[in-house]
Amino acid sequence: MTVVLGSGFLDPGIPVPFRAFGFTQAVVEAVAELRRHVHPRVEISFRLFNTSRKLAALSGNCIDVHTATISGLRLLAVQAALLRMAGVSNPITADLAYAARELAADLLDRDDLPQALLQWLDQASCNNGNFADGFIYGVEHPAASMFGDVSSRLQLQVTVGARPEAYFWAIRQHVVAQAKRAGMSVAPSLGVILHGLRRPWYANRHNGELPINLAFTRSPADAAASARDAVKQDYGANRELHAAARYLRSHKFDAELVRAAVEGGKGQVMGLFRNLSVTLGPCAAPYEC
C-alpha cells in the first residue's frame, strides 16, 4: 500500500507555513488509523510528489521553470524531513511531476464534469496566482507522475489530503471512469480526506500566517505556544495549529534538519534527501548533479 502526498507551488521567497507540522501530524495519525483496518503485515510506503514544474508548464511559463524546481524540491524536502522526525521509517520516494500534460486532451471535456466542480475549478484558477488552467490541472491529477490513478501500478494508492483534495478526488473519479472506457490501465485507489484541515499545508495565504521558521528560532515549547495563540487570529487553521503543537510535543525535534530543508541551497537539499534515505524519482534525481 502506498500513501500518496502531493504539494503544489509556493514561491521560494515566501515562508513555508507553520501548519506543515499540523498536516504531518494529521497524516501520521490517519495512517496509524488506517493500519488498524488492514492486515498488520501489509507494507506501507510513502510517495511524495510536487506539481510546481507542471504548474509552470500549464501557466504558459508565467512561473519560471527554475523557480518552480526550487519550490518543488524545497517542499518535498520539508515534507520528507517532517515525516522522518515523526518517526516514519517506511520507504519514502519523492519526485517532481512531469512538466507537461500526461493525459490526452480529449480524455475529459468540461461538459463531463458537474457544474459545481467546474465553478470550483474556475474560482481556483482566479485565485491561484499562477495563471495555470484549473480544469487542465484538475484533469492531470490522476496522471502517473501525480496521484497515479491512470497508470499500471498494482499497489493500492491511498491519497491523504486536506479538504480541497476532496474536489480533486471527485474530478479524478470522472477521469478514471473515462480512462476505463478508453481501455487504459487504472490503479486501485482510496481517498482519505482530512476535512478539518481547510487549506493545503504549503499554501501561505496571508502575511499574518505563522512561518515554519519559528520552529528553529525558538524552543519547541515556545513554538507550540505560538501555534496555540495563533488560533485566536486564524480560526480557519485551528485544527492544523493544534496538531502542529501536538507534533512538537510528541516527536524529537531537529531544528537544523528543518532549517536545511527550508533555507538550504539545492546542494544541501539534495544531500538532505540522501541523509533521510529518500529515493528520488526520475524527474527529481537529475538535480543531484
Protein backbone atom coordinates (compact mmCIF):
# COMPACT_ATOMS: atom_id res chain seq x y z
CA MET A 1 0.00 0.00 0.00
CA THR A 2 1.34 3.41 -0.98
CA VAL A 3 0.35 6.61 0.82
CA VAL A 4 0.48 9.43 -1.74
CA LEU A 5 1.01 13.03 -0.62
CA GLY A 6 1.01 15.87 -3.13
CA SER A 7 2.08 19.50 -2.93
CA GLY A 8 1.89 22.46 -5.29
CA PHE A 9 3.72 25.74 -5.83
CA LEU A 10 4.97 28.09 -3.13
CA ASP A 11 7.25 30.93 -4.20
CA PRO A 12 10.72 30.28 -2.67
CA GLY A 13 10.63 33.82 -1.26
CA ILE A 14 7.54 33.06 0.85
CA PRO A 15 7.96 31.20 4.16
CA VAL A 16 6.65 27.66 4.42
CA PRO A 17 3.63 27.81 6.78
CA PHE A 18 3.98 26.51 10.32
CA ARG A 19 0.84 24.47 9.58
CA ALA A 20 3.12 21.95 7.81
CA PHE A 21 3.73 20.37 11.23
CA GLY A 22 0.00 20.02 11.78
CA PHE A 23 -0.59 18.40 8.40
CA THR A 24 2.22 15.90 9.02
CA GLN A 25 0.80 15.03 12.44
CA ALA A 26 -2.65 14.52 10.91
CA VAL A 27 -1.20 12.28 8.19
CA VAL A 28 0.71 10.16 10.70
CA GLU A 29 -2.42 9.76 12.82
CA ALA A 30 -4.56 8.94 9.77
CA VAL A 31 -2.10 6.31 8.56
CA ALA A 32 -1.99 4.76 12.06
CA GLU A 33 -5.79 4.56 12.00
CA LEU A 34 -5.69 3.10 8.51
CA ARG A 35 -3.21 0.50 9.71
CA ARG A 36 -5.81 -0.72 12.21
CA HIS A 37 -8.16 -1.60 9.35
CA VAL A 38 -5.69 -3.50 7.16
CA HIS A 39 -3.61 -6.59 7.76
CA PRO A 40 -0.69 -5.72 10.08
CA ARG A 41 1.76 -7.30 7.65
CA VAL A 42 0.77 -5.07 4.76
CA GLU A 43 3.79 -2.95 3.88
CA ILE A 44 3.19 0.80 3.71
CA SER A 45 5.36 3.16 1.70
CA PHE A 46 5.08 6.89 1.09
CA ARG A 47 5.24 8.61 -2.28
CA LEU A 48 5.63 12.39 -2.29
CA PHE A 49 5.23 14.46 -5.43
CA ASN A 50 5.25 18.16 -6.20
CA THR A 51 3.49 19.84 -9.12
CA SER A 52 5.40 23.14 -9.34
CA ARG A 53 7.03 22.33 -12.68
CA LYS A 54 3.74 21.09 -14.16
CA LEU A 55 2.05 24.29 -12.99
CA ALA A 56 4.83 26.28 -14.65
CA ALA A 57 4.14 24.49 -17.93
CA LEU A 58 0.36 24.93 -17.66
CA SER A 59 0.74 28.62 -16.82
CA GLY A 60 2.43 29.38 -20.12
CA ASN A 61 5.71 29.93 -18.27
CA CYS A 62 4.25 32.68 -16.06
CA ILE A 63 6.17 30.74 -13.42
CA ASP A 64 9.89 30.46 -14.15
CA VAL A 65 10.89 26.80 -14.50
CA HIS A 66 13.97 27.24 -12.31
CA THR A 67 11.86 28.90 -9.61
CA ALA A 68 9.33 26.09 -9.88
CA THR A 69 12.06 23.48 -9.48
CA ILE A 70 13.50 25.13 -6.36
CA SER A 71 9.99 25.45 -4.92
CA GLY A 72 9.25 21.78 -5.57
CA LEU A 73 12.48 20.45 -4.12
CA ARG A 74 12.11 22.61 -1.01
CA LEU A 75 8.57 21.43 -0.28
CA LEU A 76 9.49 17.79 -0.90
CA ALA A 77 12.43 18.13 1.49
CA VAL A 78 10.28 19.74 4.18
CA GLN A 79 7.66 17.03 3.90
CA ALA A 80 10.21 14.21 3.99
CA ALA A 81 12.05 15.74 6.97
CA LEU A 82 8.85 16.17 8.98
CA LEU A 83 7.76 12.60 8.27
CA ARG A 84 11.13 11.22 9.37
CA MET A 85 11.11 13.34 12.55
CA ALA A 86 7.63 11.99 13.28
CA GLY A 87 9.10 8.50 13.38
CA VAL A 88 8.11 7.35 9.89
CA SER A 89 10.69 4.70 8.98
CA ASN A 90 8.77 3.37 5.96
CA PRO A 91 10.26 3.76 2.48
CA ILE A 92 9.77 7.25 1.05
CA THR A 93 10.09 8.27 -2.58
CA ALA A 94 9.92 11.87 -3.77
CA ASP A 95 9.60 13.31 -7.24
CA LEU A 96 8.65 16.32 -9.31
CA ALA A 97 5.59 15.86 -11.51
CA TYR A 98 6.25 15.96 -15.27
CA ALA A 99 6.43 19.49 -16.66
CA ALA A 100 3.87 18.74 -19.37
CA ARG A 101 0.43 17.23 -19.89
CA GLU A 102 0.44 13.45 -19.44
CA LEU A 103 -3.17 12.62 -20.26
CA ALA A 104 -4.79 13.13 -23.64
CA ALA A 105 -6.50 16.49 -24.04
CA ASP A 106 -9.73 14.81 -25.20
CA LEU A 107 -9.90 12.28 -22.35
CA LEU A 108 -12.31 14.50 -20.41
CA ASP A 109 -14.34 17.51 -21.59
CA ARG A 110 -15.61 20.30 -19.39
CA ASP A 111 -19.14 19.07 -20.09
CA ASP A 112 -18.25 15.75 -18.41
CA LEU A 113 -17.95 17.44 -15.00
CA PRO A 114 -20.81 18.63 -12.78
CA GLN A 115 -21.36 22.38 -12.79
CA ALA A 116 -20.39 22.67 -9.11
CA LEU A 117 -16.94 21.21 -9.80
CA LEU A 118 -16.44 23.47 -12.80
CA GLN A 119 -17.33 26.52 -10.72
CA TRP A 120 -14.87 25.47 -8.02
CA LEU A 121 -12.10 24.97 -10.61
CA ASP A 122 -12.81 28.33 -12.23
CA GLN A 123 -12.69 30.04 -8.86
CA ALA A 124 -9.43 28.25 -8.03
CA SER A 125 -7.97 29.43 -11.35
CA CYS A 126 -8.80 33.03 -10.47
CA ASN A 127 -7.23 32.76 -7.01
CA ASN A 128 -4.19 30.55 -7.57
CA GLY A 129 -1.91 33.41 -8.62
CA ASN A 130 -0.01 31.26 -11.11
CA PHE A 131 -2.31 31.59 -14.16
CA ALA A 132 -2.45 27.82 -14.67
CA ASP A 133 -5.65 26.48 -16.23
CA GLY A 134 -7.58 24.96 -13.33
CA PHE A 135 -9.50 22.50 -15.49
CA ILE A 136 -6.38 21.07 -17.15
CA TYR A 137 -4.59 20.94 -13.79
CA GLY A 138 -7.53 19.08 -12.25
CA VAL A 139 -7.71 16.58 -15.10
CA GLU A 140 -3.97 15.92 -14.73
CA HIS A 141 -4.32 14.85 -11.09
CA PRO A 142 -4.75 11.12 -11.90
CA ALA A 143 -1.65 11.16 -14.15
CA ALA A 144 1.20 8.76 -13.41
CA SER A 145 3.59 11.38 -12.01
CA MET A 146 0.86 12.78 -9.74
CA PHE A 147 -1.64 10.58 -7.87
CA GLY A 148 -1.16 7.73 -10.33
CA ASP A 149 -4.77 6.60 -10.77
CA VAL A 150 -4.28 6.26 -14.53
CA SER A 151 -1.19 4.07 -14.50
CA SER A 152 -0.10 0.46 -14.46
CA ARG A 153 0.69 0.50 -10.73
CA LEU A 154 -0.64 -2.58 -8.94
CA GLN A 155 -0.38 -1.38 -5.34
CA LEU A 156 -3.27 0.40 -3.67
CA GLN A 157 -2.70 4.18 -3.88
CA VAL A 158 -4.03 5.93 -0.76
CA THR A 159 -4.40 9.70 -1.06
CA VAL A 160 -4.27 11.66 2.18
CA GLY A 161 -5.13 15.34 1.78
CA ALA A 162 -6.79 18.44 3.22
CA ARG A 163 -10.36 19.49 2.43
CA PRO A 164 -9.61 20.92 -1.08
CA GLU A 165 -8.38 17.48 -2.11
CA ALA A 166 -12.00 16.28 -1.98
CA TYR A 167 -12.77 18.34 -5.10
CA PHE A 168 -9.77 16.95 -6.95
CA TRP A 169 -10.71 13.44 -5.78
CA ALA A 170 -14.14 13.87 -7.40
CA ILE A 171 -12.51 15.05 -10.63
CA ARG A 172 -10.12 12.12 -10.53
CA GLN A 173 -13.03 9.67 -10.38
CA HIS A 174 -14.53 11.20 -13.53
CA VAL A 175 -11.16 10.93 -15.31
CA VAL A 176 -10.69 7.34 -14.13
CA ALA A 177 -14.14 6.39 -15.43
CA GLN A 178 -13.27 7.82 -18.85
CA ALA A 179 -9.88 6.10 -18.81
CA LYS A 180 -11.53 2.74 -18.13
CA ARG A 181 -13.89 3.26 -21.07
CA ALA A 182 -10.85 4.00 -23.24
CA GLY A 183 -9.20 0.74 -22.17
CA MET A 184 -6.40 2.43 -20.20
CA SER A 185 -4.71 0.90 -17.14
CA VAL A 186 -6.14 2.14 -13.85
CA ALA A 187 -4.59 1.62 -10.40
CA PRO A 188 -6.66 0.80 -7.29
CA SER A 189 -7.05 3.92 -5.15
CA LEU A 190 -8.55 5.14 -1.90
CA GLY A 191 -9.03 8.72 -0.67
CA VAL A 192 -8.65 9.85 2.94
CA ILE A 193 -9.79 13.48 3.14
CA LEU A 194 -8.99 15.35 6.34
CA HIS A 195 -11.94 17.77 6.31
CA GLY A 196 -10.76 19.57 9.44
CA LEU A 197 -7.74 20.85 7.52
CA ARG A 198 -9.14 23.67 5.41
CA ARG A 199 -6.11 24.61 3.32
CA PRO A 200 -3.19 22.79 1.68
CA TRP A 201 -0.27 22.72 4.14
CA TYR A 202 2.04 24.61 1.78
CA ALA A 203 -0.42 27.44 0.92
CA ASN A 204 0.67 30.66 2.63
CA ARG A 205 -2.40 32.82 2.01
CA HIS A 206 -1.77 35.90 4.12
CA ASN A 207 1.10 37.77 5.72
CA GLY A 208 -0.02 37.09 9.27
CA GLU A 209 0.39 33.34 8.98
CA LEU A 210 2.94 31.71 11.27
CA PRO A 211 6.10 30.68 9.37
CA ILE A 212 7.78 27.33 9.91
CA ASN A 213 10.96 29.26 10.76
CA LEU A 214 9.61 29.68 14.30
CA ALA A 215 10.43 26.05 14.87
CA PHE A 216 14.17 26.61 14.57
CA THR A 217 14.40 30.14 16.02
CA ARG A 218 12.57 29.30 19.24
CA SER A 219 12.36 26.30 21.52
CA PRO A 220 9.80 23.64 20.53
CA ALA A 221 7.73 24.60 23.61
CA ASP A 222 7.69 28.30 22.66
CA ALA A 223 6.84 27.46 19.05
CA ALA A 224 3.98 25.23 20.20
CA ALA A 225 2.69 28.02 22.44
CA SER A 226 2.81 30.45 19.49
CA ALA A 227 0.75 27.98 17.44
CA ARG A 228 -1.90 27.77 20.15
CA ASP A 229 -2.02 31.57 20.44
CA ALA A 230 -2.31 31.97 16.66
CA VAL A 231 -5.60 30.05 16.67
CA LYS A 232 -7.25 33.21 18.03
CA GLN A 233 -6.20 35.15 14.90
CA ASP A 234 -6.56 32.33 12.36
CA TYR A 235 -9.52 30.24 13.44
CA GLY A 236 -9.67 28.63 10.00
CA ALA A 237 -6.41 26.84 10.76
CA ASN A 238 -7.26 25.88 14.34
CA ARG A 239 -7.07 22.13 13.83
CA GLU A 240 -3.79 22.36 11.95
CA LEU A 241 -2.19 24.66 14.51
CA HIS A 242 -3.34 22.49 17.43
CA ALA A 243 -1.98 19.46 15.56
CA ALA A 244 1.28 21.37 14.98
CA ALA A 245 1.60 21.94 18.71
CA ARG A 246 0.89 18.24 19.26
CA TYR A 247 3.60 17.35 16.74
CA LEU A 248 6.21 19.41 18.59
CA ARG A 249 5.23 17.83 21.92
CA SER A 250 5.20 14.27 20.57
CA HIS A 251 8.36 13.97 18.49
CA LYS A 252 12.06 14.60 18.90
CA PHE A 253 12.66 17.88 17.08
CA ASP A 254 15.76 18.52 14.96
CA ALA A 255 15.94 22.26 14.29
CA GLU A 256 18.92 22.02 11.94
CA LEU A 257 17.17 19.40 9.83
CA VAL A 258 14.18 21.67 9.30
CA ARG A 259 16.41 24.69 8.68
CA ALA A 260 18.31 22.76 5.98
CA ALA A 261 15.05 21.81 4.25
CA VAL A 262 13.61 25.33 4.40
CA GLU A 263 16.67 27.51 3.83
CA GLY A 264 19.29 25.23 2.29
CA GLY A 265 20.57 25.63 -1.25
CA LYS A 266 19.96 23.00 -3.91
CA GLY A 267 23.06 21.01 -2.96
CA GLN A 268 22.13 20.95 0.71
CA VAL A 269 18.55 19.94 -0.04
CA MET A 270 19.66 17.12 -2.33
CA GLY A 271 22.08 15.92 0.35
CA LEU A 272 19.21 16.01 2.81
CA PHE A 273 17.26 13.54 0.69
CA ARG A 274 20.19 11.13 0.86
CA ASN A 275 20.57 11.58 4.63
CA LEU A 276 16.86 10.92 5.10
CA SER A 277 17.02 7.77 2.94
CA VAL A 278 14.55 9.23 0.46
CA THR A 279 14.56 7.69 -3.01
CA LEU A 280 14.26 10.30 -5.73
CA GLY A 281 12.09 9.69 -8.77
CA PRO A 282 13.14 10.19 -12.41
CA CYS A 283 12.29 13.91 -12.58
CA ALA A 284 13.97 14.89 -9.28
CA ALA A 285 17.02 12.62 -9.45
CA PRO A 286 18.86 14.63 -12.17
CA TYR A 287 19.11 17.59 -9.77
CA GLU A 288 21.51 15.58 -7.60
CA CYS A 289 24.18 16.51 -10.17
